[in-house]
Amino acid sequence: ALPIVDAMRAEAALDPARAIAFQGSPGANS
């Protein structure tokens, strides 16, 4: 999951105000 997590975190960091945090790995129901 780590490469996908890192890519998603980098995307979210570009505009934190438009990021939505969820608990879990990529692909979780959240």
ModelCIF file with pLDDT and N, C-alpha, C, O atoms, coordinates in Angstrom:
data_MODEL
#
_entry.id   MODEL 
#
_entity.id                         1 
_entity.type                       polymer 
_entity.pdbx_number_of_molecules   1 
#
_entity_poly.entity_id                      1 
_entity_poly.type                           'polypeptide(L)' 
_entity_poly.nstd_linkage                   no 
_entity_poly.nstd_monomer                   no 
_entity_poly.pdbx_seq_one_letter_code       ALPIVDAMRAEAALDPARAIAFQGSPGANS 
_entity_poly.pdbx_seq_one_letter_code_can   ALPIVDAMRAEAALDPARAIAFQGSPGANS 
_entity_poly.pdbx_strand_id                 A 
#
loop_
_entity_poly_seq.entity_id 
_entity_poly_seq.num 
_entity_poly_seq.mon_id 
_entity_poly_seq.hetero 
1 1  ALA n 
1 2  LEU n 
1 3  PRO n 
1 4  ILE n 
1 5  VAL n 
1 6  ASP n 
1 7  ALA n 
1 8  MET n 
1 9  ARG n 
1 10 ALA n 
1 11 GLU n 
1 12 ALA n 
1 13 ALA n 
1 14 LEU n 
1 15 ASP n 
1 16 PRO n 
1 17 ALA n 
1 18 ARG n 
1 19 ALA n 
1 20 ILE n 
1 21 ALA n 
1 22 PHE n 
1 23 GLN n 
1 24 GLY n 
1 25 SER n 
1 26 PRO n 
1 27 GLY n 
1 28 ALA n 
1 29 ASN n 
1 30 SER n 
#
_struct_asym.id          A 
_struct_asym.entity_id   1 
#
loop_
_ma_qa_metric.id 
_ma_qa_metric.mode 
_ma_qa_metric.name 
_ma_qa_metric.software_group_id 
_ma_qa_metric.type 
1 global pLDDT . pLDDT 
2 local  pLDDT . pLDDT 
#
_ma_qa_metric_global.metric_id      1 
_ma_qa_metric_global.metric_value   96.07 
_ma_qa_metric_global.model_id       1 
_ma_qa_metric_global.ordinal_id     1 
#
loop_
_ma_qa_metric_local.label_asym_id 
_ma_qa_metric_local.label_comp_id 
_ma_qa_metric_local.label_seq_id 
_ma_qa_metric_local.metric_id 
_ma_qa_metric_local.metric_value 
_ma_qa_metric_local.model_id 
_ma_qa_metric_local.ordinal_id 
A ALA 1  2 95.00 1 1  
A LEU 2  2 94.00 1 2  
A PRO 3  2 95.00 1 3  
A ILE 4  2 95.00 1 4  
A VAL 5  2 96.00 1 5  
A ASP 6  2 96.00 1 6  
A ALA 7  2 96.00 1 7  
A MET 8  2 97.00 1 8  
A ARG 9  2 97.00 1 9  
A ALA 10 2 97.00 1 10 
A GLU 11 2 97.00 1 11 
A ALA 12 2 98.00 1 12 
A ALA 13 2 97.00 1 13 
A LEU 14 2 98.00 1 14 
A ASP 15 2 98.00 1 15 
A PRO 16 2 98.00 1 16 
A ALA 17 2 97.00 1 17 
A ARG 18 2 98.00 1 18 
A ALA 19 2 98.00 1 19 
A ILE 20 2 98.00 1 20 
A ALA 21 2 98.00 1 21 
A PHE 22 2 97.00 1 22 
A GLN 23 2 93.00 1 23 
A GLY 24 2 92.00 1 24 
A SER 25 2 94.00 1 25 
A PRO 26 2 96.00 1 26 
A GLY 27 2 95.00 1 27 
A ALA 28 2 94.00 1 28 
A ASN 29 2 93.00 1 29 
A SER 30 2 95.00 1 30 
#
loop_
_atom_site.group_PDB 
_atom_site.id 
_atom_site.type_symbol 
_atom_site.label_atom_id 
_atom_site.label_alt_id 
_atom_site.label_comp_id 
_atom_site.label_asym_id 
_atom_site.label_entity_id 
_atom_site.label_seq_id 
_atom_site.pdbx_PDB_ins_code 
_atom_site.Cartn_x 
_atom_site.Cartn_y 
_atom_site.Cartn_z 
_atom_site.occupancy 
_atom_site.B_iso_or_equiv 
_atom_site.pdbx_formal_charge 
_atom_site.auth_seq_id 
_atom_site.auth_comp_id 
_atom_site.auth_asym_id 
_atom_site.auth_atom_id 
_atom_site.pdbx_PDB_model_num 
ATOM 1   N N  . ALA A 1 1  ? 0.813   -1.217 0.000  1.00 95.00 ? 1  ALA A N  1 
ATOM 2   C CA . ALA A 1 1  ? 0.000   0.000  0.000  1.00 95.00 ? 1  ALA A CA 1 
ATOM 3   C C  . ALA A 1 1  ? 0.846   1.266  0.000  1.00 95.00 ? 1  ALA A C  1 
ATOM 4   O O  . ALA A 1 1  ? 0.357   2.330  -0.380 1.00 95.00 ? 1  ALA A O  1 
ATOM 5   N N  . LEU A 1 2  ? 2.109   1.173  0.420  1.00 94.00 ? 2  LEU A N  1 
ATOM 6   C CA . LEU A 1 2  ? 2.916   2.372  0.635  1.00 94.00 ? 2  LEU A CA 1 
ATOM 7   C C  . LEU A 1 2  ? 3.101   3.235  -0.612 1.00 94.00 ? 2  LEU A C  1 
ATOM 8   O O  . LEU A 1 2  ? 2.956   4.453  -0.509 1.00 94.00 ? 2  LEU A O  1 
ATOM 9   N N  . PRO A 1 3  ? 3.416   2.672  -1.794 1.00 95.00 ? 3  PRO A N  1 
ATOM 10  C CA . PRO A 1 3  ? 3.567   3.550  -2.964 1.00 95.00 ? 3  PRO A CA 1 
ATOM 11  C C  . PRO A 1 3  ? 2.293   4.307  -3.306 1.00 95.00 ? 3  PRO A C  1 
ATOM 12  O O  . PRO A 1 3  ? 2.352   5.467  -3.717 1.00 95.00 ? 3  PRO A O  1 
ATOM 13  N N  . ILE A 1 4  ? 1.142   3.662  -3.141 1.00 95.00 ? 4  ILE A N  1 
ATOM 14  C CA . ILE A 1 4  ? -0.127  4.330  -3.437 1.00 95.00 ? 4  ILE A CA 1 
ATOM 15  C C  . ILE A 1 4  ? -0.403  5.409  -2.398 1.00 95.00 ? 4  ILE A C  1 
ATOM 16  O O  . ILE A 1 4  ? -0.862  6.502  -2.730 1.00 95.00 ? 4  ILE A O  1 
ATOM 17  N N  . VAL A 1 5  ? -0.116  5.086  -1.122 1.00 96.00 ? 5  VAL A N  1 
ATOM 18  C CA . VAL A 1 5  ? -0.305  6.068  -0.049 1.00 96.00 ? 5  VAL A CA 1 
ATOM 19  C C  . VAL A 1 5  ? 0.568   7.294  -0.291 1.00 96.00 ? 5  VAL A C  1 
ATOM 20  O O  . VAL A 1 5  ? 0.102   8.427  -0.170 1.00 96.00 ? 5  VAL A O  1 
ATOM 21  N N  . ASP A 1 6  ? 1.831   7.068  -0.633 1.00 96.00 ? 6  ASP A N  1 
ATOM 22  C CA . ASP A 1 6  ? 2.745   8.192  -0.863 1.00 96.00 ? 6  ASP A CA 1 
ATOM 23  C C  . ASP A 1 6  ? 2.259   9.082  -2.007 1.00 96.00 ? 6  ASP A C  1 
ATOM 24  O O  . ASP A 1 6  ? 2.327   10.308 -1.917 1.00 96.00 ? 6  ASP A O  1 
ATOM 25  N N  . ALA A 1 7  ? 1.775   8.466  -3.072 1.00 96.00 ? 7  ALA A N  1 
ATOM 26  C CA . ALA A 1 7  ? 1.289   9.243  -4.215 1.00 96.00 ? 7  ALA A CA 1 
ATOM 27  C C  . ALA A 1 7  ? 0.051   10.054 -3.836 1.00 96.00 ? 7  ALA A C  1 
ATOM 28  O O  . ALA A 1 7  ? -0.073  11.213 -4.231 1.00 96.00 ? 7  ALA A O  1 
ATOM 29  N N  . MET A 1 8  ? -0.860  9.458  -3.076 1.00 97.00 ? 8  MET A N  1 
ATOM 30  C CA . MET A 1 8  ? -2.072  10.167 -2.675 1.00 97.00 ? 8  MET A CA 1 
ATOM 31  C C  . MET A 1 8  ? -1.753  11.304 -1.705 1.00 97.00 ? 8  MET A C  1 
ATOM 32  O O  . MET A 1 8  ? -2.368  12.368 -1.769 1.00 97.00 ? 8  MET A O  1 
ATOM 33  N N  . ARG A 1 9  ? -0.794  11.078 -0.808 1.00 97.00 ? 9  ARG A N  1 
ATOM 34  C CA . ARG A 1 9  ? -0.410  12.140 0.129  1.00 97.00 ? 9  ARG A CA 1 
ATOM 35  C C  . ARG A 1 9  ? 0.228   13.307 -0.615 1.00 97.00 ? 9  ARG A C  1 
ATOM 36  O O  . ARG A 1 9  ? -0.008  14.467 -0.276 1.00 97.00 ? 9  ARG A O  1 
ATOM 37  N N  . ALA A 1 10 ? 1.030   13.004 -1.622 1.00 97.00 ? 10 ALA A N  1 
ATOM 38  C CA . ALA A 1 10 ? 1.653   14.074 -2.407 1.00 97.00 ? 10 ALA A CA 1 
ATOM 39  C C  . ALA A 1 10 ? 0.598   14.897 -3.137 1.00 97.00 ? 10 ALA A C  1 
ATOM 40  O O  . ALA A 1 10 ? 0.702   16.121 -3.212 1.00 97.00 ? 10 ALA A O  1 
ATOM 41  N N  . GLU A 1 11 ? -0.416  14.225 -3.675 1.00 97.00 ? 11 GLU A N  1 
ATOM 42  C CA . GLU A 1 11 ? -1.500  14.935 -4.349 1.00 97.00 ? 11 GLU A CA 1 
ATOM 43  C C  . GLU A 1 11 ? -2.266  15.826 -3.371 1.00 97.00 ? 11 GLU A C  1 
ATOM 44  O O  . GLU A 1 11 ? -2.570  16.979 -3.674 1.00 97.00 ? 11 GLU A O  1 
ATOM 45  N N  . ALA A 1 12 ? -2.573  15.277 -2.193 1.00 98.00 ? 12 ALA A N  1 
ATOM 46  C CA . ALA A 1 12 ? -3.328  16.049 -1.202 1.00 98.00 ? 12 ALA A CA 1 
ATOM 47  C C  . ALA A 1 12 ? -2.538  17.251 -0.721 1.00 98.00 ? 12 ALA A C  1 
ATOM 48  O O  . ALA A 1 12 ? -3.124  18.291 -0.420 1.00 98.00 ? 12 ALA A O  1 
ATOM 49  N N  . ALA A 1 13 ? -1.203  17.129 -0.641 1.00 97.00 ? 13 ALA A N  1 
ATOM 50  C CA . ALA A 1 13 ? -0.365  18.219 -0.146 1.00 97.00 ? 13 ALA A CA 1 
ATOM 51  C C  . ALA A 1 13 ? -0.342  19.413 -1.094 1.00 97.00 ? 13 ALA A C  1 
ATOM 52  O O  . ALA A 1 13 ? 0.020   20.517 -0.689 1.00 97.00 ? 13 ALA A O  1 
ATOM 53  N N  . LEU A 1 14 ? -0.725  19.202 -2.348 1.00 98.00 ? 14 LEU A N  1 
ATOM 54  C CA . LEU A 1 14 ? -0.746  20.305 -3.301 1.00 98.00 ? 14 LEU A CA 1 
ATOM 55  C C  . LEU A 1 14 ? -1.808  21.335 -2.951 1.00 98.00 ? 14 LEU A C  1 
ATOM 56  O O  . LEU A 1 14 ? -1.648  22.519 -3.247 1.00 98.00 ? 14 LEU A O  1 
ATOM 57  N N  . ASP A 1 15 ? -2.896  20.891 -2.320 1.00 98.00 ? 15 ASP A N  1 
ATOM 58  C CA . ASP A 1 15 ? -3.979  21.797 -1.921 1.00 98.00 ? 15 ASP A CA 1 
ATOM 59  C C  . ASP A 1 15 ? -4.664  21.219 -0.688 1.00 98.00 ? 15 ASP A C  1 
ATOM 60  O O  . ASP A 1 15 ? -5.744  20.639 -0.802 1.00 98.00 ? 15 ASP A O  1 
ATOM 61  N N  . PRO A 1 16 ? -4.053  21.369 0.494  1.00 98.00 ? 16 PRO A N  1 
ATOM 62  C CA . PRO A 1 16 ? -4.591  20.738 1.703  1.00 98.00 ? 16 PRO A CA 1 
ATOM 63  C C  . PRO A 1 16 ? -6.031  21.119 2.018  1.00 98.00 ? 16 PRO A C  1 
ATOM 64  O O  . PRO A 1 16 ? -6.784  20.309 2.558  1.00 98.00 ? 16 PRO A O  1 
ATOM 65  N N  . ALA A 1 17 ? -6.417  22.341 1.685  1.00 97.00 ? 17 ALA A N  1 
ATOM 66  C CA . ALA A 1 17 ? -7.788  22.768 1.988  1.00 97.00 ? 17 ALA A CA 1 
ATOM 67  C C  . ALA A 1 17 ? -8.819  21.964 1.215  1.00 97.00 ? 17 ALA A C  1 
ATOM 68  O O  . ALA A 1 17 ? -9.980  21.888 1.618  1.00 97.00 ? 17 ALA A O  1 
ATOM 69  N N  . ARG A 1 18 ? -8.398  21.358 0.096  1.00 98.00 ? 18 ARG A N  1 
ATOM 70  C CA . ARG A 1 18 ? -9.296  20.546 -0.728 1.00 98.00 ? 18 ARG A CA 1 
ATOM 71  C C  . ARG A 1 18 ? -8.971  19.062 -0.582 1.00 98.00 ? 18 ARG A C  1 
ATOM 72  O O  . ARG A 1 18 ? -9.232  18.275 -1.492 1.00 98.00 ? 18 ARG A O  1 
ATOM 73  N N  . ALA A 1 19 ? -8.407  18.684 0.553  1.00 98.00 ? 19 ALA A N  1 
ATOM 74  C CA . ALA A 1 19 ? -8.120  17.277 0.839  1.00 98.00 ? 19 ALA A CA 1 
ATOM 75  C C  . ALA A 1 19 ? -9.106  16.777 1.883  1.00 98.00 ? 19 ALA A C  1 
ATOM 76  O O  . ALA A 1 19 ? -9.528  17.529 2.762  1.00 98.00 ? 19 ALA A O  1 
ATOM 77  N N  . ILE A 1 20 ? -9.468  15.510 1.781  1.00 98.00 ? 20 ILE A N  1 
ATOM 78  C CA . ILE A 1 20 ? -10.363 14.887 2.758  1.00 98.00 ? 20 ILE A CA 1 
ATOM 79  C C  . ILE A 1 20 ? -9.681  13.640 3.305  1.00 98.00 ? 20 ILE A C  1 
ATOM 80  O O  . ILE A 1 20 ? -9.380  12.708 2.560  1.00 98.00 ? 20 ILE A O  1 
ATOM 81  N N  . ALA A 1 21 ? -9.440  13.630 4.610  1.00 98.00 ? 21 ALA A N  1 
ATOM 82  C CA . ALA A 1 21 ? -8.728  12.538 5.270  1.00 98.00 ? 21 ALA A CA 1 
ATOM 83  C C  . ALA A 1 21 ? -9.684  11.387 5.563  1.00 98.00 ? 21 ALA A C  1 
ATOM 84  O O  . ALA A 1 21 ? -10.849 11.598 5.900  1.00 98.00 ? 21 ALA A O  1 
ATOM 85  N N  . PHE A 1 22 ? -9.173  10.173 5.428  1.00 97.00 ? 22 PHE A N  1 
ATOM 86  C CA . PHE A 1 22 ? -9.945  8.987  5.787  1.00 97.00 ? 22 PHE A CA 1 
ATOM 87  C C  . PHE A 1 22 ? -9.029  7.986  6.461  1.00 97.00 ? 22 PHE A C  1 
ATOM 88  O O  . PHE A 1 22 ? -7.812  8.019  6.274  1.00 97.00 ? 22 PHE A O  1 
ATOM 89  N N  . GLN A 1 23 ? -9.616  7.096  7.245  1.00 93.00 ? 23 GLN A N  1 
ATOM 90  C CA . GLN A 1 23 ? -8.836  6.059  7.915  1.00 93.00 ? 23 GLN A CA 1 
ATOM 91  C C  . GLN A 1 23 ? -8.781  4.820  7.042  1.00 93.00 ? 23 GLN A C  1 
ATOM 92  O O  . GLN A 1 23 ? -9.809  4.326  6.578  1.00 93.00 ? 23 GLN A O  1 
ATOM 93  N N  . GLY A 1 24 ? -7.571  4.323  6.822  1.00 92.00 ? 24 GLY A N  1 
ATOM 94  C CA . GLY A 1 24 ? -7.438  3.080  6.075  1.00 92.00 ? 24 GLY A CA 1 
ATOM 95  C C  . GLY A 1 24 ? -6.500  3.210  4.896  1.00 92.00 ? 24 GLY A C  1 
ATOM 96  O O  . GLY A 1 24 ? -6.051  4.299  4.541  1.00 92.00 ? 24 GLY A O  1 
ATOM 97  N N  . SER A 1 25 ? -6.220  2.066  4.303  1.00 94.00 ? 25 SER A N  1 
ATOM 98  C CA . SER A 1 25 ? -5.382  2.021  3.111  1.00 94.00 ? 25 SER A CA 1 
ATOM 99  C C  . SER A 1 25 ? -6.200  2.369  1.877  1.00 94.00 ? 25 SER A C  1 
ATOM 100 O O  . SER A 1 25 ? -7.428  2.296  1.915  1.00 94.00 ? 25 SER A O  1 
ATOM 101 N N  . PRO A 1 26 ? -5.545  2.746  0.784  1.00 96.00 ? 26 PRO A N  1 
ATOM 102 C CA . PRO A 1 26 ? -6.279  2.959  -0.468 1.00 96.00 ? 26 PRO A CA 1 
ATOM 103 C C  . PRO A 1 26 ? -7.105  1.730  -0.836 1.00 96.00 ? 26 PRO A C  1 
ATOM 104 O O  . PRO A 1 26 ? -6.623  0.599  -0.774 1.00 96.00 ? 26 PRO A O  1 
ATOM 105 N N  . GLY A 1 27 ? -8.351  1.970  -1.216 1.00 95.00 ? 27 GLY A N  1 
ATOM 106 C CA . GLY A 1 27 ? -9.259  0.877  -1.535 1.00 95.00 ? 27 GLY A CA 1 
ATOM 107 C C  . GLY A 1 27 ? -10.212 0.514  -0.421 1.00 95.00 ? 27 GLY A C  1 
ATOM 108 O O  . GLY A 1 27 ? -11.094 -0.323 -0.613 1.00 95.00 ? 27 GLY A O  1 
ATOM 109 N N  . ALA A 1 28 ? -10.052 1.136  0.760  1.00 94.00 ? 28 ALA A N  1 
ATOM 110 C CA . ALA A 1 28 ? -10.962 0.873  1.881  1.00 94.00 ? 28 ALA A CA 1 
ATOM 111 C C  . ALA A 1 28 ? -12.328 1.495  1.614  1.00 94.00 ? 28 ALA A C  1 
ATOM 112 O O  . ALA A 1 28 ? -12.477 2.353  0.744  1.00 94.00 ? 28 ALA A O  1 
ATOM 113 N N  . ASN A 1 29 ? -13.313 1.052  2.372  1.00 93.00 ? 29 ASN A N  1 
ATOM 114 C CA . ASN A 1 29 ? -14.648 1.633  2.223  1.00 93.00 ? 29 ASN A CA 1 
ATOM 115 C C  . ASN A 1 29 ? -14.643 3.131  2.502  1.00 93.00 ? 29 ASN A C  1 
ATOM 116 O O  . ASN A 1 29 ? -15.378 3.885  1.864  1.00 93.00 ? 29 ASN A O  1 
ATOM 117 N N  . SER A 1 30 ? -13.821 3.562  3.448  1.00 95.00 ? 30 SER A N  1 
ATOM 118 C CA . SER A 1 30 ? -13.745 4.992  3.741  1.00 95.00 ? 30 SER A CA 1 
ATOM 119 C C  . SER A 1 30 ? -13.141 5.766  2.572  1.00 95.00 ? 30 SER A C  1 
ATOM 120 O O  . SER A 1 30 ? -13.002 6.987  2.646  1.00 95.00 ? 30 SER A O  1 
#
